[in-house]
Protein backbone atom coordinates (compact mmCIF):
# COMPACT_ATOMS: atom_id res chain seq x y z
CA MET A 1 0.04 0.01 -0.21
CA VAL A 2 1.79 3.14 -0.80
CA TYR A 3 0.26 6.46 0.76
CA PRO A 4 1.72 9.96 1.31
CA LYS A 5 4.94 9.46 4.41
CA PHE A 6 3.60 12.45 6.32
CA TYR A 7 0.81 10.01 7.57
CA ASP A 8 3.53 8.65 9.59
CA GLU A 9 5.03 11.04 10.85
CA VAL A 10 1.51 12.56 12.69
CA GLU A 11 1.16 11.84 16.09
CA THR A 12 -1.23 9.23 17.19
CA ILE A 13 -4.02 9.38 19.36
CA LYS A 14 -4.02 6.69 22.39
CA ILE A 15 -6.97 6.14 24.20
CA THR A 16 -8.10 3.39 26.64
CA ASP A 17 -11.35 0.51 25.89
CA GLU A 18 -12.11 -1.04 28.86
CA LEU A 19 -14.46 -3.20 26.58
CA SER A 20 -10.80 -4.50 24.81
CA ASP A 21 -9.67 -5.34 27.93
CA THR A 22 -12.67 -7.31 28.93
CA LEU A 23 -12.69 -9.44 25.51
CA GLY A 24 -9.05 -9.43 25.53
CA ALA A 25 -8.18 -7.52 22.18
CA PHE A 26 -5.95 -5.20 23.45
CA GLU A 27 -3.79 -5.74 26.50
CA ASP A 28 -4.92 -3.10 29.35
CA GLY A 29 -7.40 -1.67 26.64
CA ASN A 30 -4.95 0.66 25.43
CA ILE A 31 -5.69 1.60 21.70
CA GLU A 32 -3.24 3.66 19.21
CA PHE A 33 -4.96 5.02 16.53
CA SER A 34 -2.96 6.99 14.01
CA TYR A 35 -3.56 8.98 10.95
CA LEU A 36 -3.24 6.31 8.52
CA ASP A 37 -5.90 4.25 10.81
CA ILE A 38 -8.38 7.18 10.30
CA VAL A 39 -7.68 7.39 6.42
CA LYS A 40 -8.24 4.09 5.77
CA SER A 41 -11.73 3.76 7.53
CA ALA A 42 -12.47 7.51 5.77
CA GLY A 43 -11.23 6.01 2.12
CA HIS A 44 -9.79 9.59 1.84
CA SER A 45 -7.41 12.13 3.42
CA CYS A 46 -8.38 15.59 2.80
CA PRO A 47 -8.94 18.58 5.45
CA THR A 48 -12.35 17.33 6.81
CA VAL A 49 -10.97 13.91 8.04
CA ALA A 50 -7.70 15.86 9.30
CA GLY A 51 -9.27 18.41 10.79
CA ALA A 52 -11.37 15.93 12.79
CA PHE A 53 -8.37 13.70 13.85
CA LEU A 54 -6.79 16.74 14.90
CA MET A 55 -10.26 17.65 16.76
CA PHE A 56 -10.17 14.33 18.82
CA LYS A 57 -6.20 14.54 19.24
CA GLU A 58 -6.15 17.75 21.08
CA GLY A 59 -9.96 17.60 23.05
CA LEU A 60 -8.80 13.92 24.08
CA LYS A 61 -5.45 15.34 25.53
CA ARG A 62 -7.47 17.63 28.15
CA LEU A 63 -9.90 15.13 29.28
CA GLU A 64 -8.71 13.34 32.61
CA SER A 65 -8.41 9.09 31.89
CA PRO A 66 -10.66 9.61 28.70
CA LYS A 67 -11.98 6.27 27.87
CA ARG A 68 -13.49 4.61 25.09
CA GLY A 69 -17.41 4.59 25.36
CA GLU A 70 -17.40 6.76 27.90
CA ILE A 71 -17.24 10.19 25.92
CA ASN A 72 -20.44 12.14 24.52
CA ILE A 73 -20.17 14.15 21.59
CA TYR A 74 -22.21 16.89 20.69
CA LEU A 75 -21.68 18.07 16.73
CA LYS A 76 -24.06 21.63 16.17
CA GLU A 77 -24.92 20.32 12.88
CA ASP A 78 -27.42 17.83 11.39
CA ILE A 79 -25.51 14.77 9.97
CA SER A 80 -26.80 15.80 6.44
CA GLU A 81 -25.03 18.94 6.99
CA GLY A 82 -22.12 19.68 5.36
CA VAL A 83 -19.05 17.77 6.39
CA THR A 84 -20.54 16.50 9.72
CA GLY A 85 -21.68 13.31 8.40
CA VAL A 86 -17.39 12.59 7.60
CA ILE A 87 -17.06 14.30 11.19
CA SER A 88 -18.87 11.73 12.71
CA ASN A 89 -17.84 8.87 11.38
CA VAL A 90 -14.42 9.93 12.62
CA ALA A 91 -15.81 10.39 15.88
CA THR A 92 -17.16 6.49 15.99
CA GLN A 93 -14.07 5.31 15.01
CA ILE A 94 -11.86 6.80 17.37
CA THR A 95 -14.54 6.73 20.78
CA GLY A 96 -17.14 4.29 19.72
CA ALA A 97 -19.50 6.78 20.09
CA THR A 98 -22.69 6.40 18.08
CA SER A 99 -26.39 8.20 18.08
CA LYS A 100 -28.56 5.02 17.26
CA SER A 101 -26.98 1.94 16.05
CA GLY A 102 -23.45 0.37 17.24
CA PHE A 103 -22.92 -1.73 19.78
CA HIS A 104 -25.20 -2.26 22.97
CA GLY A 105 -23.09 -3.65 25.37
CA LEU A 106 -22.66 -6.44 27.63
CA ASN A 107 -24.62 -7.10 30.62
CA GLY A 108 -25.57 -3.00 31.31
CA LYS A 109 -21.89 -1.92 30.21
CA TYR A 110 -20.10 -0.65 27.29
CA ASP A 111 -23.13 0.62 25.60
CA ARG A 112 -21.64 3.05 22.52
CA ARG A 113 -25.63 4.08 21.65
CA GLY A 114 -26.78 7.86 23.09
CA LEU A 115 -23.56 9.01 23.04
CA MET A 116 -23.67 11.13 19.82
CA HIS A 117 -25.40 14.16 19.43
CA PHE A 118 -26.39 16.24 16.51
CA ASN A 119 -28.23 19.77 16.28
CA ALA A 120 -26.40 20.41 19.23
CA ASP A 121 -27.01 24.11 21.14
CA ILE A 122 -23.51 25.09 21.51
CA THR A 123 -20.91 27.39 19.69
CA SER A 124 -18.59 25.58 18.98
CA SER A 125 -18.02 22.96 16.54
CA MET A 126 -18.33 20.38 18.66
CA ARG A 127 -18.15 19.36 22.56
CA LEU A 128 -16.57 16.25 24.10
CA VAL A 129 -18.13 15.40 27.93
CA ASP A 130 -16.11 12.56 29.34
CA ARG A 131 -18.37 10.65 32.37
CA SER A 132 -16.99 13.09 35.15
CA GLY A 133 -18.66 15.99 33.60
CA LYS A 134 -15.69 17.68 32.03
CA THR A 135 -16.52 19.96 29.14
CA ILE A 136 -14.15 20.93 26.17
CA ASP A 137 -15.11 22.76 23.12
CA ILE A 138 -13.73 22.47 19.84
CA ASP A 139 -13.31 24.90 16.63
CA TYR A 140 -11.97 23.87 13.50
CA ASP A 141 -11.28 26.66 10.54
CA PRO A 142 -8.96 25.30 8.01
CA ASN A 143 -9.57 28.95 6.40
CA GLY A 144 -6.13 29.87 8.30
CA LEU A 145 -3.72 27.71 6.07
CA ALA A 146 -5.93 28.21 2.42
CA PRO A 147 -5.48 26.18 -0.59
CA ASN A 148 -2.84 26.46 -3.30
CA PRO A 149 -4.81 28.91 -5.98
CA LYS A 150 -3.75 26.15 -8.26
CA MET A 151 -6.03 23.65 -6.92
CA SER A 152 -9.56 24.50 -7.38
CA PRO A 153 -8.76 24.62 -11.24
CA LEU A 154 -7.30 21.73 -11.11
CA MET A 155 -10.09 20.22 -9.07
CA GLN A 156 -12.42 21.17 -11.54
CA LYS A 157 -10.36 19.38 -14.36
CA THR A 158 -9.99 16.16 -13.02
CA LEU A 159 -13.92 15.97 -11.74
CA SER A 160 -15.01 16.59 -15.02
CA GLY A 161 -12.83 14.51 -16.74
CA THR A 162 -10.58 17.08 -18.74
CA ALA A 163 -7.71 16.72 -16.98
CA SER A 164 -3.98 15.58 -18.38
CA SER A 165 -2.31 13.04 -16.35
CA GLU A 166 0.48 15.64 -14.95
CA GLN A 167 -2.74 17.74 -14.15
CA LYS A 168 -4.26 14.88 -12.14
CA GLU A 169 -0.82 14.19 -10.28
CA GLU A 170 -0.08 17.94 -9.59
CA PHE A 171 -3.90 18.15 -7.89
CA LYS A 172 -3.12 14.91 -6.02
CA GLU A 173 -0.11 16.52 -4.64
CA LEU A 174 -1.50 20.28 -4.23
CA TRP A 175 -4.30 18.36 -2.08
CA GLN A 176 -2.18 16.15 -0.16
CA GLU A 177 0.06 19.33 0.89
CA ARG A 178 -2.63 21.52 2.09
CA VAL A 179 -3.90 18.01 4.74
CA GLU A 180 -0.39 17.75 5.98
CA ARG A 181 0.15 21.60 7.02
CA ILE A 182 -3.08 21.49 8.48
CA LEU A 183 -1.88 18.54 10.46
CA LYS A 184 1.44 19.78 11.07
CA PHE A 185 0.37 23.69 12.46
CA PRO A 186 -3.19 22.39 14.76
CA GLU A 187 -2.44 25.69 16.55
CA VAL A 188 -3.73 27.47 13.01
CA VAL A 189 -6.53 25.43 12.96
CA ILE A 190 -8.39 24.35 15.96
CA THR A 191 -9.36 26.38 18.64
CA ILE A 192 -10.08 24.55 22.66
CA LYS A 193 -11.82 26.19 25.16
C-alpha cells in the first residue's frame, strides 16, 4: 500500500477501552489510532478528515483519562449537513460513540449508543463531555491554511475528466500538501475552550 509518507509522521491518538481489555483485544485496553488508520476507514485524506483527527487528538488530551465508549460528543450541525457525517464517522472510529446504531453493550456495560448528539445547542463546532462531566469545546477552521490557488482549477479539471495525467498528479500533490500543513500546524486551525 503506497500513501504519502507524512501520514506516518502525525502524532497518534491514544485512548483506553475497557471493553477491549475485558474481551482480550488489547492489553489493558490501550488503543492507538494513527492518521493512516483513520484515512483507511474514511477511504480518503482531506481537510475534514484531518480536522476531525486533530479535534479528537487535541480534545482528548484535555480530558482526564478519556475512555472509549464513555465520551459524549455533541456536534452543532445535523448529520446530513456539510461535513458533519464525515466528522461523526471519525468520531465513532476513535471514541466508539454512536447515536442509534453500534454496540449495545454487555450486561448493562459498554453501551456505545446515545453518545453522539447532532443539532446540539453549542457555540463551538464540537463538544466533548466525559463521564465526570468535564467539557471541552473545540472549533476547527482550516481557512488559516488556505489551499494553493492552483488547486481549485485543477480540481475542476480532474472532476470533469478534462485533466491531463500531469494535471491529475499535480492536483493530488497539492491536495495532500494542504492536508499535511493542516496536520503539522494544529494551533492554526484548532481552538479549544
